[in-house]
Amino acid sequence: MPQAVNKLLRNVERHIKAGETALAAEGYRHILSRFPKNKRARLGYENLSKPPQVDLDNLISFFNKGQFNKTLAFGEKLVEKFPTAEILYEILAAVHMSLENNK
């Protein structure tokens, strides 16, 4: 049984390296449905839902510099990869409010 899990995890890692986060998330969910206590799959799945800190730092930096269009474009790309990351929606909402106030 451990070999089967390792093979599934390697497949998921290939999807991650290829930037196929939706397929990677699906793979993690599949593993967790069969092996719910698998720590590697659980942590991997949790990490898929969080943008890397460097990306968040860049997004916030763009916003703080008043580069709202750049923040919006980058934020929307991140939302495509991490659609469950609430912080991204909060930042994008702040961008939209700032753009409305600057009209």
N, C-alpha and C. Protein backbone atom coordinates (compact mmCIF):
# COMPACT_ATOMS: atom_id res chain seq x y z
N MET A 1 0.82 -1.21 0.00
CA MET A 1 0.00 0.00 0.00
C MET A 1 0.86 1.27 0.00
N PRO A 2 1.96 1.37 0.78
CA PRO A 2 2.77 2.59 0.75
C PRO A 2 3.32 2.89 -0.64
N GLN A 3 3.65 1.86 -1.44
CA GLN A 3 4.15 2.10 -2.79
C GLN A 3 3.09 2.78 -3.64
N ALA A 4 1.85 2.37 -3.48
CA ALA A 4 0.76 2.98 -4.25
C ALA A 4 0.62 4.46 -3.90
N VAL A 5 0.72 4.79 -2.63
CA VAL A 5 0.62 6.19 -2.21
C VAL A 5 1.79 6.99 -2.77
N ASN A 6 2.98 6.42 -2.67
CA ASN A 6 4.15 7.14 -3.19
C ASN A 6 4.04 7.39 -4.68
N LYS A 7 3.52 6.43 -5.41
CA LYS A 7 3.34 6.61 -6.86
C LYS A 7 2.33 7.73 -7.13
N LEU A 8 1.24 7.73 -6.39
CA LEU A 8 0.24 8.79 -6.55
C LEU A 8 0.83 10.15 -6.21
N LEU A 9 1.61 10.21 -5.14
CA LEU A 9 2.23 11.48 -4.74
C LEU A 9 3.23 11.96 -5.79
N ARG A 10 3.97 11.05 -6.39
CA ARG A 10 4.90 11.45 -7.46
C ARG A 10 4.14 12.03 -8.65
N ASN A 11 3.00 11.43 -8.97
CA ASN A 11 2.18 11.97 -10.07
C ASN A 11 1.69 13.38 -9.74
N VAL A 12 1.27 13.58 -8.51
CA VAL A 12 0.82 14.91 -8.09
C VAL A 12 1.97 15.91 -8.19
N GLU A 13 3.15 15.50 -7.76
CA GLU A 13 4.31 16.40 -7.83
C GLU A 13 4.64 16.77 -9.27
N ARG A 14 4.43 15.86 -10.20
CA ARG A 14 4.65 16.18 -11.62
C ARG A 14 3.66 17.26 -12.08
N HIS A 15 2.43 17.15 -11.62
CA HIS A 15 1.44 18.16 -11.98
C HIS A 15 1.83 19.52 -11.40
N ILE A 16 2.32 19.52 -10.19
CA ILE A 16 2.73 20.79 -9.56
C ILE A 16 3.87 21.41 -10.35
N LYS A 17 4.87 20.62 -10.69
CA LYS A 17 6.01 21.14 -11.46
C LYS A 17 5.59 21.68 -12.82
N ALA A 18 4.55 21.08 -13.39
CA ALA A 18 4.05 21.52 -14.69
C ALA A 18 3.10 22.71 -14.56
N GLY A 19 2.84 23.15 -13.33
CA GLY A 19 1.93 24.28 -13.11
C GLY A 19 0.47 23.90 -13.21
N GLU A 20 0.19 22.62 -13.15
CA GLU A 20 -1.19 22.13 -13.25
C GLU A 20 -1.78 21.96 -11.85
N THR A 21 -2.05 23.09 -11.20
CA THR A 21 -2.49 23.04 -9.81
C THR A 21 -3.86 22.39 -9.64
N ALA A 22 -4.74 22.57 -10.61
CA ALA A 22 -6.07 21.95 -10.49
C ALA A 22 -5.94 20.42 -10.51
N LEU A 23 -5.10 19.90 -11.39
CA LEU A 23 -4.89 18.46 -11.44
C LEU A 23 -4.17 17.96 -10.19
N ALA A 24 -3.25 18.76 -9.68
CA ALA A 24 -2.55 18.39 -8.45
C ALA A 24 -3.53 18.33 -7.28
N ALA A 25 -4.41 19.32 -7.19
CA ALA A 25 -5.40 19.34 -6.11
C ALA A 25 -6.32 18.13 -6.21
N GLU A 26 -6.71 17.79 -7.43
CA GLU A 26 -7.56 16.61 -7.65
C GLU A 26 -6.83 15.34 -7.19
N GLY A 27 -5.54 15.26 -7.51
CA GLY A 27 -4.74 14.11 -7.08
C GLY A 27 -4.64 14.01 -5.58
N TYR A 28 -4.39 15.13 -4.92
CA TYR A 28 -4.34 15.12 -3.45
C TYR A 28 -5.68 14.70 -2.86
N ARG A 29 -6.78 15.21 -3.42
CA ARG A 29 -8.10 14.82 -2.90
C ARG A 29 -8.33 13.32 -3.07
N HIS A 30 -7.88 12.78 -4.20
CA HIS A 30 -8.02 11.35 -4.44
C HIS A 30 -7.23 10.55 -3.40
N ILE A 31 -6.00 10.96 -3.17
CA ILE A 31 -5.17 10.27 -2.17
C ILE A 31 -5.83 10.35 -0.80
N LEU A 32 -6.29 11.54 -0.44
CA LEU A 32 -6.89 11.71 0.89
C LEU A 32 -8.20 10.96 1.04
N SER A 33 -8.90 10.72 -0.05
CA SER A 33 -10.14 9.94 0.05
C SER A 33 -9.82 8.48 0.36
N ARG A 34 -8.67 8.01 -0.10
CA ARG A 34 -8.27 6.63 0.15
C ARG A 34 -7.41 6.49 1.40
N PHE A 35 -6.61 7.51 1.68
CA PHE A 35 -5.68 7.49 2.80
C PHE A 35 -5.80 8.82 3.57
N PRO A 36 -6.87 8.99 4.32
CA PRO A 36 -7.15 10.29 4.95
C PRO A 36 -6.11 10.76 5.97
N LYS A 37 -5.30 9.88 6.47
CA LYS A 37 -4.30 10.28 7.47
C LYS A 37 -2.93 10.56 6.87
N ASN A 38 -2.82 10.52 5.54
CA ASN A 38 -1.54 10.74 4.90
C ASN A 38 -1.12 12.20 5.07
N LYS A 39 -0.08 12.40 5.88
CA LYS A 39 0.36 13.77 6.21
C LYS A 39 0.93 14.50 4.99
N ARG A 40 1.66 13.78 4.17
CA ARG A 40 2.28 14.41 3.00
C ARG A 40 1.21 14.94 2.04
N ALA A 41 0.16 14.15 1.84
CA ALA A 41 -0.92 14.59 0.95
C ALA A 41 -1.69 15.74 1.58
N ARG A 42 -1.95 15.66 2.87
CA ARG A 42 -2.70 16.72 3.55
C ARG A 42 -1.95 18.05 3.50
N LEU A 43 -0.66 18.01 3.82
CA LEU A 43 0.14 19.24 3.79
C LEU A 43 0.27 19.78 2.36
N GLY A 44 0.46 18.88 1.42
CA GLY A 44 0.55 19.30 0.03
C GLY A 44 -0.71 19.98 -0.44
N TYR A 45 -1.84 19.41 -0.07
CA TYR A 45 -3.13 19.98 -0.46
C TYR A 45 -3.33 21.35 0.18
N GLU A 46 -2.98 21.46 1.44
CA GLU A 46 -3.10 22.76 2.13
C GLU A 46 -2.20 23.80 1.47
N ASN A 47 -1.00 23.41 1.10
CA ASN A 47 -0.08 24.36 0.48
C ASN A 47 -0.53 24.80 -0.91
N LEU A 48 -1.28 23.95 -1.59
CA LEU A 48 -1.80 24.34 -2.90
C LEU A 48 -2.80 25.48 -2.79
N SER A 49 -3.43 25.60 -1.65
CA SER A 49 -4.45 26.63 -1.50
C SER A 49 -3.87 27.96 -1.03
N LYS A 50 -2.56 28.01 -0.82
CA LYS A 50 -1.91 29.24 -0.35
C LYS A 50 -0.89 29.72 -1.36
N PRO A 51 -1.00 30.98 -1.76
CA PRO A 51 0.04 31.51 -2.65
C PRO A 51 1.37 31.61 -1.89
N PRO A 52 2.48 31.47 -2.57
CA PRO A 52 3.78 31.64 -1.90
C PRO A 52 3.88 33.04 -1.28
N GLN A 53 4.55 33.11 -0.15
CA GLN A 53 4.67 34.38 0.56
C GLN A 53 5.31 35.45 -0.31
N VAL A 54 6.28 35.08 -1.13
CA VAL A 54 6.93 36.07 -2.00
C VAL A 54 5.92 36.70 -2.95
N ASP A 55 4.97 35.92 -3.45
CA ASP A 55 3.95 36.47 -4.34
C ASP A 55 3.03 37.41 -3.59
N LEU A 56 2.65 37.04 -2.37
CA LEU A 56 1.82 37.94 -1.56
C LEU A 56 2.57 39.24 -1.25
N ASP A 57 3.84 39.12 -0.92
CA ASP A 57 4.64 40.31 -0.63
C ASP A 57 4.71 41.23 -1.85
N ASN A 58 4.90 40.64 -3.03
CA ASN A 58 4.95 41.45 -4.26
C ASN A 58 3.60 42.12 -4.53
N LEU A 59 2.53 41.38 -4.34
CA LEU A 59 1.19 41.91 -4.56
C LEU A 59 0.92 43.10 -3.64
N ILE A 60 1.26 42.94 -2.38
CA ILE A 60 1.05 44.01 -1.40
C ILE A 60 1.96 45.20 -1.70
N SER A 61 3.17 44.92 -2.14
CA SER A 61 4.09 46.00 -2.51
C SER A 61 3.54 46.83 -3.67
N PHE A 62 3.02 46.16 -4.70
CA PHE A 62 2.41 46.88 -5.82
C PHE A 62 1.28 47.77 -5.32
N PHE A 63 0.44 47.21 -4.45
CA PHE A 63 -0.70 47.97 -3.93
C PHE A 63 -0.21 49.19 -3.14
N ASN A 64 0.75 48.97 -2.24
CA ASN A 64 1.25 50.07 -1.40
C ASN A 64 1.92 51.17 -2.21
N LYS A 65 2.45 50.82 -3.38
CA LYS A 65 3.08 51.82 -4.26
C LYS A 65 2.05 52.51 -5.14
N GLY A 66 0.78 52.11 -5.02
CA GLY A 66 -0.26 52.71 -5.83
C GLY A 66 -0.30 52.18 -7.24
N GLN A 67 0.33 51.06 -7.48
CA GLN A 67 0.34 50.44 -8.82
C GLN A 67 -0.86 49.50 -8.92
N PHE A 68 -2.04 50.11 -8.96
CA PHE A 68 -3.27 49.33 -8.86
C PHE A 68 -3.52 48.43 -10.06
N ASN A 69 -3.23 48.90 -11.25
CA ASN A 69 -3.43 48.04 -12.43
C ASN A 69 -2.49 46.84 -12.40
N LYS A 70 -1.26 47.06 -11.97
CA LYS A 70 -0.30 45.97 -11.85
C LYS A 70 -0.75 44.99 -10.75
N THR A 71 -1.26 45.55 -9.65
CA THR A 71 -1.76 44.71 -8.55
C THR A 71 -2.93 43.87 -9.03
N LEU A 72 -3.81 44.49 -9.78
CA LEU A 72 -4.99 43.79 -10.29
C LEU A 72 -4.60 42.66 -11.24
N ALA A 73 -3.71 42.93 -12.15
CA ALA A 73 -3.29 41.90 -13.13
C ALA A 73 -2.61 40.73 -12.42
N PHE A 74 -1.69 41.03 -11.52
CA PHE A 74 -0.97 39.98 -10.82
C PHE A 74 -1.91 39.22 -9.88
N GLY A 75 -2.78 39.96 -9.20
CA GLY A 75 -3.74 39.33 -8.29
C GLY A 75 -4.67 38.37 -9.01
N GLU A 76 -5.12 38.75 -10.20
CA GLU A 76 -6.01 37.87 -10.96
C GLU A 76 -5.30 36.59 -11.41
N LYS A 77 -4.01 36.70 -11.73
CA LYS A 77 -3.24 35.50 -12.09
C LYS A 77 -3.12 34.57 -10.88
N LEU A 78 -2.91 35.17 -9.72
CA LEU A 78 -2.80 34.35 -8.50
C LEU A 78 -4.13 33.69 -8.16
N VAL A 79 -5.23 34.38 -8.37
CA VAL A 79 -6.55 33.80 -8.09
C VAL A 79 -6.80 32.58 -8.98
N GLU A 80 -6.32 32.63 -10.22
CA GLU A 80 -6.47 31.46 -11.10
C GLU A 80 -5.77 30.24 -10.52
N LYS A 81 -4.60 30.47 -9.91
CA LYS A 81 -3.84 29.35 -9.34
C LYS A 81 -4.32 28.96 -7.95
N PHE A 82 -4.81 29.94 -7.19
CA PHE A 82 -5.18 29.70 -5.79
C PHE A 82 -6.58 30.26 -5.53
N PRO A 83 -7.61 29.65 -6.12
CA PRO A 83 -8.95 30.21 -6.04
C PRO A 83 -9.58 30.20 -4.65
N THR A 84 -9.01 29.49 -3.71
CA THR A 84 -9.59 29.47 -2.36
C THR A 84 -8.85 30.38 -1.38
N ALA A 85 -7.86 31.12 -1.86
CA ALA A 85 -7.08 32.00 -0.99
C ALA A 85 -7.84 33.31 -0.75
N GLU A 86 -8.48 33.41 0.39
CA GLU A 86 -9.32 34.58 0.70
C GLU A 86 -8.55 35.89 0.67
N ILE A 87 -7.29 35.86 1.08
CA ILE A 87 -6.50 37.08 1.13
C ILE A 87 -6.41 37.74 -0.24
N LEU A 88 -6.37 36.93 -1.28
CA LEU A 88 -6.30 37.49 -2.64
C LEU A 88 -7.55 38.29 -2.97
N TYR A 89 -8.70 37.77 -2.58
CA TYR A 89 -9.95 38.48 -2.85
C TYR A 89 -10.04 39.77 -2.04
N GLU A 90 -9.50 39.74 -0.84
CA GLU A 90 -9.50 40.95 -0.01
C GLU A 90 -8.62 42.03 -0.64
N ILE A 91 -7.46 41.63 -1.13
CA ILE A 91 -6.57 42.60 -1.78
C ILE A 91 -7.19 43.13 -3.06
N LEU A 92 -7.79 42.25 -3.85
CA LEU A 92 -8.43 42.70 -5.09
C LEU A 92 -9.60 43.63 -4.81
N ALA A 93 -10.32 43.38 -3.75
CA ALA A 93 -11.43 44.28 -3.38
C ALA A 93 -10.87 45.66 -3.02
N ALA A 94 -9.76 45.68 -2.30
CA ALA A 94 -9.13 46.95 -1.95
C ALA A 94 -8.65 47.69 -3.20
N VAL A 95 -8.15 46.94 -4.17
CA VAL A 95 -7.71 47.55 -5.43
C VAL A 95 -8.89 48.18 -6.15
N HIS A 96 -9.99 47.45 -6.24
CA HIS A 96 -11.18 47.98 -6.92
C HIS A 96 -11.70 49.23 -6.22
N MET A 97 -11.68 49.21 -4.90
CA MET A 97 -12.12 50.40 -4.14
C MET A 97 -11.19 51.58 -4.42
N SER A 98 -9.89 51.33 -4.46
CA SER A 98 -8.92 52.39 -4.73
C SER A 98 -9.10 52.94 -6.14
N LEU A 99 -9.32 52.06 -7.11
CA LEU A 99 -9.53 52.52 -8.49
C LEU A 99 -10.79 53.35 -8.59
N GLU A 100 -11.85 52.95 -7.88
CA GLU A 100 -13.09 53.73 -7.89
C GLU A 100 -12.89 55.10 -7.26
N ASN A 101 -12.13 55.16 -6.18
CA ASN A 101 -11.89 56.43 -5.48
C ASN A 101 -11.00 57.37 -6.28
N ASN A 102 -10.19 56.83 -7.17
CA ASN A 102 -9.28 57.65 -7.96
C ASN A 102 -9.88 58.11 -9.28
N LYS A 103 -11.15 57.81 -9.52
CA LYS A 103 -11.79 58.25 -10.77
C LYS A 103 -12.07 59.72 -10.74
